[in-house]
Amino acid sequence: MRRERVRDLLTSVADGSVPVESALASLAQEPSESLGFATIDHHRALRQGFPEVVYGAGKTTEQLVAIAQRIAERGDGVLATRVADDAVSALLAALPGAQHNTLARTVMLRAPKPPARAHGTALIVTAGTSDLPVAEEAAVTADAMACVAERLNDVGVAGIHRLLANRAVLERAAVIIVVAGMDGALASVVGGLARVPVIAVPTSVGYGASFGGIAPLLTMLNSCAAGVTVVNIDNGFGAAVAAARILHGATQ
């Protein structure tokens, strides 16, 4: 249950439109629920503003559907990430109205009453087209967490004029997520141009010596631009969650 829903419920009790007992029954739902193979944190939305996200990798289709259905029943929306192709149809059938993003490998069901949007834009910048799956995971996650996500694609440092031609786009963003593989240098360049928080996401894109993303990870961790924050390799989800907390925190 989101904080907004609790606030609305308490307001309804105060104005007499909802009986006290009905409100108690709603609030008395257990904060966690065991399904045997998983324990769902139903109060995640109350504490953090968004319900527990379902990580699809490694779960059977049956487990994924069961968890998602139970979260959806609370009325706060569902986001499932890293969803395998063979689980998509079952998940969409279990969550009427849900949206599948093929590139991001996500399935998202919006809440019946969406939360208020955060002020400001999360700009997601990619170095190359091969970085798009990670960037799109970040975009879907930001959208699910009530943030406006804007994209600036294929502006890596090998053709730096492409980035410099979009200075206005960088300047109007409230937080920037930079997604890059290869040498990962784009994060340092953006960090040197922007005055807002920059979150760098190294990707596993690259030729042999990129070591599955280790090379851009180390570049980003050693960025010469002060204040660049780095998440783990291919972790578009984690970058978007960090961006959402920045944006929502700025509006409180």
Protein backbone atom coordinates (compact mmCIF):
# COMPACT_ATOMS: atom_id res chain seq x y z
CA MET A 1 0.00 0.00 0.00
CA ARG A 2 1.47 3.31 -1.08
CA ARG A 3 1.71 6.25 1.30
CA GLU A 4 -0.72 8.17 -0.92
CA ARG A 5 -3.35 5.46 -0.49
CA VAL A 6 -2.88 5.41 3.29
CA ARG A 7 -3.22 9.20 3.35
CA ASP A 8 -6.41 9.03 1.26
CA LEU A 9 -7.78 6.32 3.53
CA LEU A 10 -7.13 8.34 6.68
CA THR A 11 -8.69 11.41 5.07
CA SER A 12 -11.79 9.37 4.22
CA VAL A 13 -12.04 8.18 7.81
CA ALA A 14 -11.73 11.76 9.03
CA ASP A 15 -14.53 13.01 6.77
CA GLY A 16 -16.75 10.03 7.61
CA SER A 17 -16.93 8.50 4.13
CA VAL A 18 -15.11 5.32 5.21
CA PRO A 19 -16.02 3.51 8.46
CA VAL A 20 -13.26 3.03 10.98
CA GLU A 21 -13.62 -0.76 10.86
CA SER A 22 -13.23 -0.81 7.07
CA ALA A 23 -10.07 1.26 7.36
CA LEU A 24 -8.70 -1.05 10.04
CA ALA A 25 -9.38 -4.07 7.85
CA SER A 26 -7.46 -2.46 5.01
CA LEU A 27 -4.51 -1.48 7.18
CA ALA A 28 -4.43 -4.84 8.97
CA GLN A 29 -3.16 -6.72 5.93
CA GLU A 30 0.06 -8.52 6.78
CA PRO A 31 3.23 -6.59 5.87
CA SER A 32 4.70 -9.78 4.40
CA GLU A 33 3.26 -12.91 2.83
CA SER A 34 4.92 -16.29 2.42
CA LEU A 35 4.25 -18.30 -0.71
CA GLY A 36 6.64 -21.04 0.37
CA PHE A 37 9.15 -20.30 -2.37
CA ALA A 38 9.04 -16.53 -1.82
CA THR A 39 8.17 -14.04 0.92
CA ILE A 40 6.57 -10.89 -0.47
CA ASP A 41 7.24 -7.55 1.22
CA HIS A 42 3.83 -5.90 0.93
CA HIS A 43 4.87 -2.82 2.89
CA ARG A 44 7.68 -1.92 0.49
CA ALA A 45 5.44 0.65 -1.19
CA LEU A 46 4.53 2.22 2.15
CA ARG A 47 8.18 2.57 3.13
CA GLN A 48 9.76 3.41 -0.21
CA GLY A 49 6.97 4.59 -2.50
CA PHE A 50 6.88 1.61 -4.89
CA PRO A 51 6.03 -2.07 -4.33
CA GLU A 52 8.60 -4.82 -4.40
CA VAL A 53 9.94 -5.34 -7.92
CA VAL A 54 9.92 -8.91 -9.23
CA TYR A 55 13.29 -10.06 -10.57
CA GLY A 56 12.35 -12.59 -13.23
CA ALA A 57 15.67 -14.28 -13.94
CA GLY A 58 15.98 -17.69 -12.34
CA LYS A 59 12.28 -17.98 -11.46
CA THR A 60 9.91 -20.46 -13.05
CA THR A 61 6.94 -19.06 -14.92
CA GLU A 62 4.64 -20.34 -12.18
CA GLN A 63 6.64 -18.61 -9.45
CA LEU A 64 6.81 -15.37 -11.39
CA VAL A 65 3.06 -15.33 -12.04
CA ALA A 66 2.17 -16.18 -8.44
CA ILE A 67 4.34 -13.41 -7.00
CA ALA A 68 3.13 -10.82 -9.50
CA GLN A 69 -0.52 -11.67 -8.93
CA ARG A 70 -0.23 -11.28 -5.18
CA ILE A 71 1.48 -7.92 -5.51
CA ALA A 72 -1.12 -6.77 -8.05
CA GLU A 73 -3.94 -7.66 -5.68
CA ARG A 74 -2.76 -4.92 -3.33
CA GLY A 75 -3.52 -2.35 -6.03
CA ASP A 76 -0.13 -0.68 -6.22
CA GLY A 77 1.02 -1.86 -9.64
CA VAL A 78 3.67 -4.42 -10.61
CA LEU A 79 7.05 -4.27 -12.29
CA ALA A 80 8.81 -7.49 -13.33
CA THR A 81 12.33 -7.22 -14.74
CA ARG A 82 14.56 -9.65 -16.69
CA VAL A 83 11.50 -11.61 -17.79
CA ALA A 84 12.33 -14.59 -20.02
CA ASP A 85 10.55 -14.77 -23.37
CA ASP A 86 8.76 -18.01 -22.48
CA ALA A 87 7.20 -16.42 -19.37
CA VAL A 88 5.81 -13.28 -21.01
CA SER A 89 2.50 -14.66 -22.30
CA ALA A 90 1.59 -16.25 -18.96
CA LEU A 91 2.44 -13.07 -17.09
CA LEU A 92 0.40 -10.89 -19.44
CA ALA A 93 -2.55 -13.26 -19.10
CA ALA A 94 -2.33 -13.08 -15.31
CA LEU A 95 -2.08 -9.28 -15.30
CA PRO A 96 -4.73 -7.83 -17.63
CA GLY A 97 -3.62 -4.44 -18.91
CA ALA A 98 0.08 -5.07 -18.30
CA GLN A 99 2.65 -3.86 -20.84
CA HIS A 100 5.59 -5.88 -22.16
CA ASN A 101 8.74 -4.08 -23.30
CA THR A 102 10.67 -6.55 -25.44
CA LEU A 103 13.92 -4.58 -25.47
CA ALA A 104 13.92 -3.95 -21.72
CA ARG A 105 12.66 -7.47 -20.90
CA THR A 106 10.09 -5.99 -18.53
CA VAL A 107 6.40 -6.45 -17.80
CA MET A 108 4.68 -3.55 -16.06
CA LEU A 109 1.15 -3.17 -14.70
CA ARG A 110 0.28 0.38 -13.75
CA ALA A 111 -1.57 1.03 -10.51
CA PRO A 112 -5.28 1.86 -10.90
CA LYS A 113 -4.53 5.17 -9.19
CA PRO A 114 -1.00 6.17 -10.24
CA PRO A 115 1.10 8.16 -7.75
CA ALA A 116 1.97 11.79 -8.34
CA ARG A 117 4.75 12.29 -10.86
CA ALA A 118 8.09 13.58 -9.62
CA HIS A 119 9.17 17.01 -10.80
CA GLY A 120 12.06 17.06 -13.24
CA THR A 121 13.26 14.66 -15.91
CA ALA A 122 15.53 11.63 -15.76
CA LEU A 123 17.61 11.79 -18.94
CA ILE A 124 18.96 8.42 -20.08
CA VAL A 125 22.00 8.78 -22.33
CA THR A 126 23.47 5.88 -24.29
CA ALA A 127 26.87 5.65 -25.88
CA GLY A 128 25.74 3.25 -28.63
CA THR A 129 22.77 1.33 -29.94
CA SER A 130 24.08 -1.86 -28.32
CA ASP A 131 23.53 -0.25 -24.92
CA LEU A 132 19.80 0.20 -25.53
CA PRO A 133 18.52 -2.89 -23.66
CA VAL A 134 20.09 -1.65 -20.40
CA ALA A 135 18.96 1.91 -21.08
CA GLU A 136 15.42 0.80 -21.82
CA GLU A 137 15.30 -1.17 -18.56
CA ALA A 138 16.19 2.09 -16.82
CA ALA A 139 13.52 4.02 -18.74
CA VAL A 140 10.75 1.54 -17.92
CA THR A 141 11.77 1.46 -14.27
CA ALA A 142 11.81 5.25 -14.03
CA ASP A 143 8.38 5.42 -15.64
CA ALA A 144 7.03 2.77 -13.25
CA MET A 145 8.33 4.83 -10.34
CA ALA A 146 6.44 7.92 -11.49
CA CYS A 147 9.32 9.74 -13.13
CA VAL A 148 9.46 11.29 -16.57
CA ALA A 149 12.20 9.57 -18.59
CA GLU A 150 13.76 11.18 -21.66
CA ARG A 151 16.20 9.41 -23.97
CA LEU A 152 19.32 10.61 -25.77
CA ASN A 153 20.72 7.70 -27.77
CA ASP A 154 23.95 6.88 -29.59
CA VAL A 155 26.08 9.87 -28.55
CA GLY A 156 29.30 8.09 -27.55
CA VAL A 157 32.66 9.83 -27.40
CA ALA A 158 33.88 8.36 -30.71
CA GLY A 159 31.68 11.04 -32.28
CA ILE A 160 31.59 13.56 -29.47
CA HIS A 161 29.98 16.21 -31.69
CA ARG A 162 26.74 14.23 -31.34
CA LEU A 163 26.73 14.82 -27.59
CA LEU A 164 27.81 18.46 -27.79
CA ALA A 165 25.00 19.15 -30.26
CA ASN A 166 22.57 18.14 -27.48
CA ARG A 167 23.86 20.37 -24.68
CA ALA A 168 20.38 21.86 -24.25
CA VAL A 169 18.97 18.38 -23.58
CA LEU A 170 21.59 17.78 -20.88
CA GLU A 171 20.95 21.16 -19.30
CA ARG A 172 17.21 20.68 -18.82
CA ALA A 173 17.53 17.29 -17.10
CA ALA A 174 17.20 16.95 -13.33
CA VAL A 175 19.25 13.76 -13.16
CA ILE A 176 21.23 11.95 -15.87
CA ILE A 177 21.80 8.23 -16.31
CA VAL A 178 24.72 7.42 -18.62
CA VAL A 179 24.76 3.93 -20.11
CA ALA A 180 27.99 2.92 -21.85
CA GLY A 181 30.14 -0.09 -22.62
CA MET A 182 33.48 -0.28 -24.46
CA ASP A 183 35.78 2.16 -22.60
CA GLY A 184 32.91 3.75 -20.63
CA ALA A 185 34.31 7.24 -21.17
CA LEU A 186 30.96 8.87 -21.85
CA ALA A 187 30.14 9.10 -18.14
CA SER A 188 33.20 11.28 -17.48
CA VAL A 189 32.36 13.57 -20.38
CA VAL A 190 28.74 14.01 -19.28
CA GLY A 191 29.88 14.41 -15.68
CA GLY A 192 32.10 17.28 -16.79
CA LEU A 193 29.26 19.01 -18.64
CA ALA A 194 26.31 18.59 -16.28
CA ARG A 195 25.60 20.20 -12.93
CA VAL A 196 22.96 17.64 -11.90
CA PRO A 197 23.54 14.15 -10.43
CA VAL A 198 25.07 11.72 -12.95
CA ILE A 199 24.57 7.98 -12.49
CA ALA A 200 26.84 5.82 -14.65
CA VAL A 201 25.88 2.33 -15.81
CA PRO A 202 28.67 0.21 -17.33
CA THR A 203 27.44 -2.37 -19.81
CA SER A 204 28.87 -5.68 -20.93
CA VAL A 205 29.04 -4.37 -24.50
CA GLY A 206 32.52 -4.43 -26.02
CA TYR A 207 35.22 -6.43 -27.74
CA GLY A 208 37.35 -9.05 -26.00
CA ALA A 209 39.32 -6.94 -23.56
CA SER A 210 36.26 -5.25 -22.10
CA PHE A 211 36.02 -8.33 -19.82
CA GLY A 212 32.22 -8.41 -19.81
CA GLY A 213 31.88 -4.84 -18.59
CA ILE A 214 34.78 -4.73 -16.12
CA ALA A 215 36.67 -2.25 -18.31
CA PRO A 216 33.90 0.41 -18.39
CA LEU A 217 33.13 -0.25 -14.73
CA LEU A 218 36.70 0.62 -13.73
CA THR A 219 36.72 3.66 -16.02
CA MET A 220 33.54 4.98 -14.45
CA LEU A 221 34.74 4.29 -10.91
CA ASN A 222 37.91 6.25 -11.72
CA SER A 223 36.10 9.09 -13.47
CA CYS A 224 37.98 12.38 -13.50
CA ALA A 225 34.61 14.19 -13.30
CA ALA A 226 33.76 14.72 -9.64
CA GLY A 227 30.51 13.35 -8.29
CA VAL A 228 29.72 10.63 -10.83
CA THR A 229 27.94 7.73 -9.10
CA VAL A 230 28.35 4.21 -10.51
CA VAL A 231 26.05 1.18 -10.34
CA ASN A 232 26.85 -2.40 -11.29
CA ILE A 233 27.35 -3.78 -14.79
CA ASP A 234 24.13 -3.78 -16.89
CA ASN A 235 22.12 -2.54 -13.90
CA GLY A 236 19.73 -0.15 -15.60
CA PHE A 237 17.13 -0.99 -12.98
CA GLY A 238 19.34 0.09 -10.07
CA ALA A 239 20.29 3.33 -11.79
CA ALA A 240 16.65 4.23 -12.35
CA VAL A 241 15.72 3.50 -8.73
CA ALA A 242 18.51 5.83 -7.59
CA ALA A 243 17.33 8.50 -10.02
CA ALA A 244 13.73 8.13 -8.81
CA ARG A 245 14.78 8.62 -5.20
CA ILE A 246 16.67 11.76 -6.18
CA LEU A 247 13.70 13.18 -8.09
CA HIS A 248 11.04 12.29 -5.53
CA GLY A 249 13.25 13.45 -2.67
CA ALA A 250 13.64 16.83 -4.34
CA THR A 251 9.87 17.30 -4.45
CA GLN A 252 9.13 16.49 -0.81
